[in-house]
Amino acid sequence: MKILIVDDDQEKSAQIISAVESMLDSKDGLSVTIANTLSNAIRVLGEVSFDLVILDLMLPYLL
């Protein structure tokens, strides 16, 4: 499972990863990418497809 986390708070991203890992039976095949800006997320989404995107709705748009 490929997951993209879009969040500018590193601690919150780590907590999200822990929560996702605890919900999965197996961590085999789990790939997590973190984008800390919306522009970075847009770039990554243009290059890779993900099974799940977790997006911080209060993320600032930085170029």
PDB file of N, CA and C in Angstrom:
ATOM      1  N   MET A   1       0.853  -1.171   0.000  1.00  0.00           N
ATOM      2  CA  MET A   1       0.000   0.000   0.000  1.00  0.00           C
ATOM      3  C   MET A   1       0.898   1.232   0.000  1.00  0.00           C
ATOM      4  N   LYS A   2       0.638   2.145  -0.938  1.00  0.00           N
ATOM      5  CA  LYS A   2       1.406   3.381  -1.041  1.00  0.00           C
ATOM      6  C   LYS A   2       0.562   4.528  -0.487  1.00  0.00           C
ATOM      7  N   ILE A   3       1.128   5.225   0.501  1.00  0.00           N
ATOM      8  CA  ILE A   3       0.413   6.299   1.186  1.00  0.00           C
ATOM      9  C   ILE A   3       1.196   7.597   1.046  1.00  0.00           C
ATOM     10  N   LEU A   4       0.487   8.671   0.751  1.00  0.00           N
ATOM     11  CA  LEU A   4       1.066  10.015   0.747  1.00  0.00           C
ATOM     12  C   LEU A   4       0.454  10.786   1.902  1.00  0.00           C
ATOM     13  N   ILE A   5       1.311  11.311   2.771  1.00  0.00           N
ATOM     14  CA  ILE A   5       0.860  12.175   3.864  1.00  0.00           C
ATOM     15  C   ILE A   5       1.301  13.592   3.521  1.00  0.00           C
ATOM     16  N   VAL A   6       0.345  14.502   3.467  1.00  0.00           N
ATOM     17  CA  VAL A   6       0.628  15.903   3.159  1.00  0.00           C
ATOM     18  C   VAL A   6       0.365  16.703   4.422  1.00  0.00           C
ATOM     19  N   ASP A   7       1.445  17.055   5.108  1.00  0.00           N
ATOM     20  CA  ASP A   7       1.322  17.764   6.384  1.00  0.00           C
ATOM     21  C   ASP A   7       2.638  18.466   6.684  1.00  0.00           C
ATOM     22  N   ASP A   8       2.558  19.665   7.219  1.00  0.00           N
ATOM     23  CA  ASP A   8       3.767  20.426   7.539  1.00  0.00           C
ATOM     24  C   ASP A   8       4.247  20.205   8.979  1.00  0.00           C
ATOM     25  N   ASP A   9       3.565  19.369   9.732  1.00  0.00           N
ATOM     26  CA  ASP A   9       3.930  19.081  11.122  1.00  0.00           C
ATOM     27  C   ASP A   9       4.544  17.674  11.191  1.00  0.00           C
ATOM     28  N   GLN A  10       5.853  17.606  11.409  1.00  0.00           N
ATOM     29  CA  GLN A  10       6.552  16.319  11.405  1.00  0.00           C
ATOM     30  C   GLN A  10       6.055  15.388  12.505  1.00  0.00           C
ATOM     31  N   GLU A  11       5.758  15.927  13.672  1.00  0.00           N
ATOM     32  CA  GLU A  11       5.284  15.096  14.773  1.00  0.00           C
ATOM     33  C   GLU A  11       3.928  14.472  14.435  1.00  0.00           C
ATOM     34  N   LYS A  12       3.051  15.267  13.849  1.00  0.00           N
ATOM     35  CA  LYS A  12       1.735  14.747  13.466  1.00  0.00           C
ATOM     36  C   LYS A  12       1.867  13.683  12.379  1.00  0.00           C
ATOM     37  N   SER A  13       2.776  13.896  11.433  1.00  0.00           N
ATOM     38  CA  SER A  13       3.008  12.902  10.385  1.00  0.00           C
ATOM     39  C   SER A  13       3.469  11.578  10.984  1.00  0.00           C
ATOM     40  N   ALA A  14       4.362  11.651  11.969  1.00  0.00           N
ATOM     41  CA  ALA A  14       4.842  10.437  12.638  1.00  0.00           C
ATOM     42  C   ALA A  14       3.700   9.727  13.362  1.00  0.00           C
ATOM     43  N   GLN A  15       2.805  10.483  13.978  1.00  0.00           N
ATOM     44  CA  GLN A  15       1.655   9.896  14.661  1.00  0.00           C
ATOM     45  C   GLN A  15       0.707   9.227  13.661  1.00  0.00           C
ATOM     46  N   ILE A  16       0.543   9.829  12.504  1.00  0.00           N
ATOM     47  CA  ILE A  16      -0.317   9.254  11.471  1.00  0.00           C
ATOM     48  C   ILE A  16       0.280   7.939  10.982  1.00  0.00           C
ATOM     49  N   ILE A  17       1.585   7.924  10.763  1.00  0.00           N
ATOM     50  CA  ILE A  17       2.250   6.695  10.324  1.00  0.00           C
ATOM     51  C   ILE A  17       2.064   5.595  11.357  1.00  0.00           C
ATOM     52  N   SER A  18       2.245   5.917  12.617  1.00  0.00           N
ATOM     53  CA  SER A  18       2.056   4.927  13.685  1.00  0.00           C
ATOM     54  C   SER A  18       0.631   4.395  13.702  1.00  0.00           C
ATOM     55  N   ALA A  19      -0.340   5.278  13.530  1.00  0.00           N
ATOM     56  CA  ALA A  19      -1.746   4.864  13.522  1.00  0.00           C
ATOM     57  C   ALA A  19      -2.045   3.950  12.344  1.00  0.00           C
ATOM     58  N   VAL A  20      -1.528   4.288  11.174  1.00  0.00           N
ATOM     59  CA  VAL A  20      -1.754   3.460   9.985  1.00  0.00           C
ATOM     60  C   VAL A  20      -1.112   2.092  10.176  1.00  0.00           C
ATOM     61  N   GLU A  21       0.116   2.076  10.668  1.00  0.00           N
ATOM     62  CA  GLU A  21       0.813   0.804  10.884  1.00  0.00           C
ATOM     63  C   GLU A  21       0.067  -0.077  11.884  1.00  0.00           C
ATOM     64  N   SER A  22      -0.503   0.526  12.911  1.00  0.00           N
ATOM     65  CA  SER A  22      -1.223  -0.264  13.912  1.00  0.00           C
ATOM     66  C   SER A  22      -2.522  -0.853  13.359  1.00  0.00           C
ATOM     67  N   MET A  23      -3.083  -0.250  12.313  1.00  0.00           N
ATOM     68  CA  MET A  23      -4.317  -0.753  11.715  1.00  0.00           C
ATOM     69  C   MET A  23      -4.075  -1.857  10.700  1.00  0.00           C
ATOM     70  N   LEU A  24      -2.855  -1.962  10.198  1.00  0.00           N
ATOM     71  CA  LEU A  24      -2.559  -2.955   9.180  1.00  0.00           C
ATOM     72  C   LEU A  24      -2.085  -4.250   9.819  1.00  0.00           C
ATOM     73  N   ASP A  25      -2.500  -5.363   9.250  1.00  0.00           N
ATOM     74  CA  ASP A  25      -2.047  -6.662   9.736  1.00  0.00           C
ATOM     75  C   ASP A  25      -0.565  -6.862   9.455  1.00  0.00           C
ATOM     76  N   SER A  26      -0.115  -6.390   8.308  1.00  0.00           N
ATOM     77  CA  SER A  26       1.275  -6.558   7.910  1.00  0.00           C
ATOM     78  C   SER A  26       1.805  -5.243   7.365  1.00  0.00           C
ATOM     79  N   LYS A  27       3.035  -4.914   7.723  1.00  0.00           N
ATOM     80  CA  LYS A  27       3.655  -3.697   7.219  1.00  0.00           C
ATOM     81  C   LYS A  27       4.423  -3.965   5.930  1.00  0.00           C
ATOM     82  N   ASP A  28       4.418  -5.244   5.488  1.00  0.00           N
ATOM     83  CA  ASP A  28       5.068  -5.593   4.227  1.00  0.00           C
ATOM     84  C   ASP A  28       4.371  -4.876   3.087  1.00  0.00           C
ATOM     85  N   GLY A  29       5.153  -4.244   2.249  1.00  0.00           N
ATOM     86  CA  GLY A  29       4.578  -3.552   1.110  1.00  0.00           C
ATOM     87  C   GLY A  29       4.060  -2.164   1.436  1.00  0.00           C
ATOM     88  N   LEU A  30       4.216  -1.710   2.684  1.00  0.00           N
ATOM     89  CA  LEU A  30       3.779  -0.369   3.059  1.00  0.00           C
ATOM     90  C   LEU A  30       4.864   0.632   2.669  1.00  0.00           C
ATOM     91  N   SER A  31       4.470   1.636   1.910  1.00  0.00           N
ATOM     92  CA  SER A  31       5.384   2.687   1.486  1.00  0.00           C
ATOM     93  C   SER A  31       4.738   4.026   1.811  1.00  0.00           C
ATOM     94  N   VAL A  32       5.402   4.817   2.643  1.00  0.00           N
ATOM     95  CA  VAL A  32       4.859   6.113   3.054  1.00  0.00           C
ATOM     96  C   VAL A  32       5.756   7.226   2.524  1.00  0.00           C
ATOM     97  N   THR A  33       5.131   8.189   1.849  1.00  0.00           N
ATOM     98  CA  THR A  33       5.822   9.382   1.371  1.00  0.00           C
ATOM     99  C   THR A  33       5.222  10.568   2.103  1.00  0.00           C
ATOM    100  N   ILE A  34       6.084  11.492   2.538  1.00  0.00           N
ATOM    101  CA  ILE A  34       5.603  12.685   3.236  1.00  0.00           C
ATOM    102  C   ILE A  34       5.947  13.912   2.404  1.00  0.00           C
ATOM    103  N   ALA A  35       4.940  14.738   2.166  1.00  0.00           N
ATOM    104  CA  ALA A  35       5.129  16.032   1.505  1.00  0.00           C
ATOM    105  C   ALA A  35       4.771  17.103   2.521  1.00  0.00           C
ATOM    106  N   ASN A  36       5.679  18.050   2.733  1.00  0.00           N
ATOM    107  CA  ASN A  36       5.415  19.056   3.765  1.00  0.00           C
ATOM    108  C   ASN A  36       4.827  20.357   3.223  1.00  0.00           C
ATOM    109  N   THR A  37       4.649  20.443   1.904  1.00  0.00           N
ATOM    110  CA  THR A  37       3.963  21.593   1.309  1.00  0.00           C
ATOM    111  C   THR A  37       3.000  21.088   0.237  1.00  0.00           C
ATOM    112  N   LEU A  38       2.008  21.886  -0.072  1.00  0.00           N
ATOM    113  CA  LEU A  38       1.036  21.515  -1.099  1.00  0.00           C
ATOM    114  C   LEU A  38       1.705  21.437  -2.466  1.00  0.00           C
ATOM    115  N   SER A  39       2.617  22.350  -2.766  1.00  0.00           N
ATOM    116  CA  SER A  39       3.287  22.310  -4.069  1.00  0.00           C
ATOM    117  C   SER A  39       4.147  21.054  -4.200  1.00  0.00           C
ATOM    118  N   ASN A  40       4.774  20.626  -3.117  1.00  0.00           N
ATOM    119  CA  ASN A  40       5.543  19.386  -3.128  1.00  0.00           C
ATOM    120  C   ASN A  40       4.617  18.194  -3.361  1.00  0.00           C
ATOM    121  N   ALA A  41       3.462  18.202  -2.717  1.00  0.00           N
ATOM    122  CA  ALA A  41       2.488  17.120  -2.885  1.00  0.00           C
ATOM    123  C   ALA A  41       2.009  17.044  -4.331  1.00  0.00           C
ATOM    124  N   ILE A  42       1.748  18.180  -4.939  1.00  0.00           N
ATOM    125  CA  ILE A  42       1.296  18.213  -6.331  1.00  0.00           C
ATOM    126  C   ILE A  42       2.368  17.629  -7.249  1.00  0.00           C
ATOM    127  N   ARG A  43       3.623  17.965  -6.987  1.00  0.00           N
ATOM    128  CA  ARG A  43       4.725  17.432  -7.786  1.00  0.00           C
ATOM    129  C   ARG A  43       4.817  15.919  -7.638  1.00  0.00           C
ATOM    130  N   VAL A  44       4.756  15.431  -6.405  1.00  0.00           N
ATOM    131  CA  VAL A  44       4.845  13.993  -6.147  1.00  0.00           C
ATOM    132  C   VAL A  44       3.668  13.252  -6.776  1.00  0.00           C
ATOM    133  N   LEU A  45       2.477  13.818  -6.677  1.00  0.00           N
ATOM    134  CA  LEU A  45       1.290  13.175  -7.258  1.00  0.00           C
ATOM    135  C   LEU A  45       1.377  13.082  -8.779  1.00  0.00           C
ATOM    136  N   GLY A  46       2.135  13.989  -9.391  1.00  0.00           N
ATOM    137  CA  GLY A  46       2.337  13.928 -10.833  1.00  0.00           C
ATOM    138  C   GLY A  46       3.297  12.821 -11.245  1.00  0.00           C
ATOM    139  N   GLU A  47       4.087  12.322 -10.286  1.00  0.00           N
ATOM    140  CA  GLU A  47       5.106  11.315 -10.580  1.00  0.00           C
ATOM    141  C   GLU A  47       4.725   9.907 -10.130  1.00  0.00           C
ATOM    142  N   VAL A  48       3.932   9.797  -9.069  1.00  0.00           N
ATOM    143  CA  VAL A  48       3.643   8.508  -8.444  1.00  0.00           C
ATOM    144  C   VAL A  48       2.148   8.416  -8.164  1.00  0.00           C
ATOM    145  N   SER A  49       1.588   7.226  -8.304  1.00  0.00           N
ATOM    146  CA  SER A  49       0.197   7.042  -7.899  1.00  0.00           C
ATOM    147  C   SER A  49       0.171   6.406  -6.508  1.00  0.00           C
ATOM    148  N   PHE A  50      -0.806   6.797  -5.703  1.00  0.00           N
ATOM    149  CA  PHE A  50      -0.921   6.351  -4.322  1.00  0.00           C
ATOM    150  C   PHE A  50      -2.268   5.674  -4.109  1.00  0.00           C
ATOM    151  N   ASP A  51      -2.292   4.765  -3.145  1.00  0.00           N
ATOM    152  CA  ASP A  51      -3.533   4.107  -2.755  1.00  0.00           C
ATOM    153  C   ASP A  51      -4.343   4.982  -1.797  1.00  0.00           C
ATOM    154  N   LEU A  52      -3.640   5.811  -1.031  1.00  0.00           N
ATOM    155  CA  LEU A  52      -4.288   6.649  -0.016  1.00  0.00           C
ATOM    156  C   LEU A  52      -3.517   7.948   0.122  1.00  0.00           C
ATOM    157  N   VAL A  53      -4.244   9.066   0.166  1.00  0.00           N
ATOM    158  CA  VAL A  53      -3.640  10.380   0.431  1.00  0.00           C
ATOM    159  C   VAL A  53      -4.295  10.939   1.676  1.00  0.00           C
ATOM    160  N   ILE A  54      -3.466  11.308   2.648  1.00  0.00           N
ATOM    161  CA  ILE A  54      -3.950  11.936   3.883  1.00  0.00           C
ATOM    162  C   ILE A  54      -3.477  13.382   3.832  1.00  0.00           C
ATOM    163  N   LEU A  55      -4.429  14.314   3.810  1.00  0.00           N
ATOM    164  CA  LEU A  55      -4.129  15.719   3.542  1.00  0.00           C
ATOM    165  C   LEU A  55      -4.549  16.606   4.707  1.00  0.00           C
ATOM    166  N   ASP A  56      -3.621  17.425   5.167  1.00  0.00           N
ATOM    167  CA  ASP A  56      -3.911  18.452   6.161  1.00  0.00           C
ATOM    168  C   ASP A  56      -4.642  19.586   5.441  1.00  0.00           C
ATOM    169  N   LEU A  57      -5.855  19.866   5.832  1.00  0.00           N
ATOM    170  CA  LEU A  57      -6.657  20.881   5.143  1.00  0.00           C
ATOM    171  C   LEU A  57      -6.227  22.311   5.455  1.00  0.00           C
ATOM    172  N   MET A  58      -5.439  22.505   6.490  1.00  0.00           N
ATOM    173  CA  MET A  58      -4.974  23.846   6.854  1.00  0.00           C
ATOM    174  C   MET A  58      -3.518  24.058   6.448  1.00  0.00           C
ATOM    175  N   LEU A  59      -3.079  23.373   5.416  1.00  0.00           N
ATOM    176  CA  LEU A  59      -1.700  23.444   4.956  1.00  0.00           C
ATOM    177  C   LEU A  59      -1.483  24.721   4.136  1.00  0.00           C
ATOM    178  N   PRO A  60      -0.430  25.483   4.438  1.00  0.00           N
ATOM    179  CA  PRO A  60      -0.161  26.679   3.639  1.00  0.00           C
ATOM    180  C   PRO A  60       0.356  26.296   2.252  1.00  0.00           C
ATOM    181  N   TYR A  61       0.031  27.090   1.245  1.00  0.00           N
ATOM    182  CA  TYR A  61       0.529  26.848  -0.096  1.00  0.00           C
ATOM    183  C   TYR A  61       1.845  27.578  -0.262  1.00  0.00           C
ATOM    184  N   LEU A  62       2.919  26.820  -0.355  1.00  0.00           N
ATOM    185  CA  LEU A  62       4.252  27.400  -0.536  1.00  0.00           C
ATOM    186  C   LEU A  62       4.830  26.910  -1.845  1.00  0.00           C
ATOM    187  N   LEU A  63       5.432  27.809  -2.592  1.00  0.00           N
ATOM    188  CA  LEU A  63       6.043  27.427  -3.876  1.00  0.00           C
ATOM    189  C   LEU A  63       7.418  26.884  -3.681  1.00  0.00           C
TER     190      LEU A  63
END
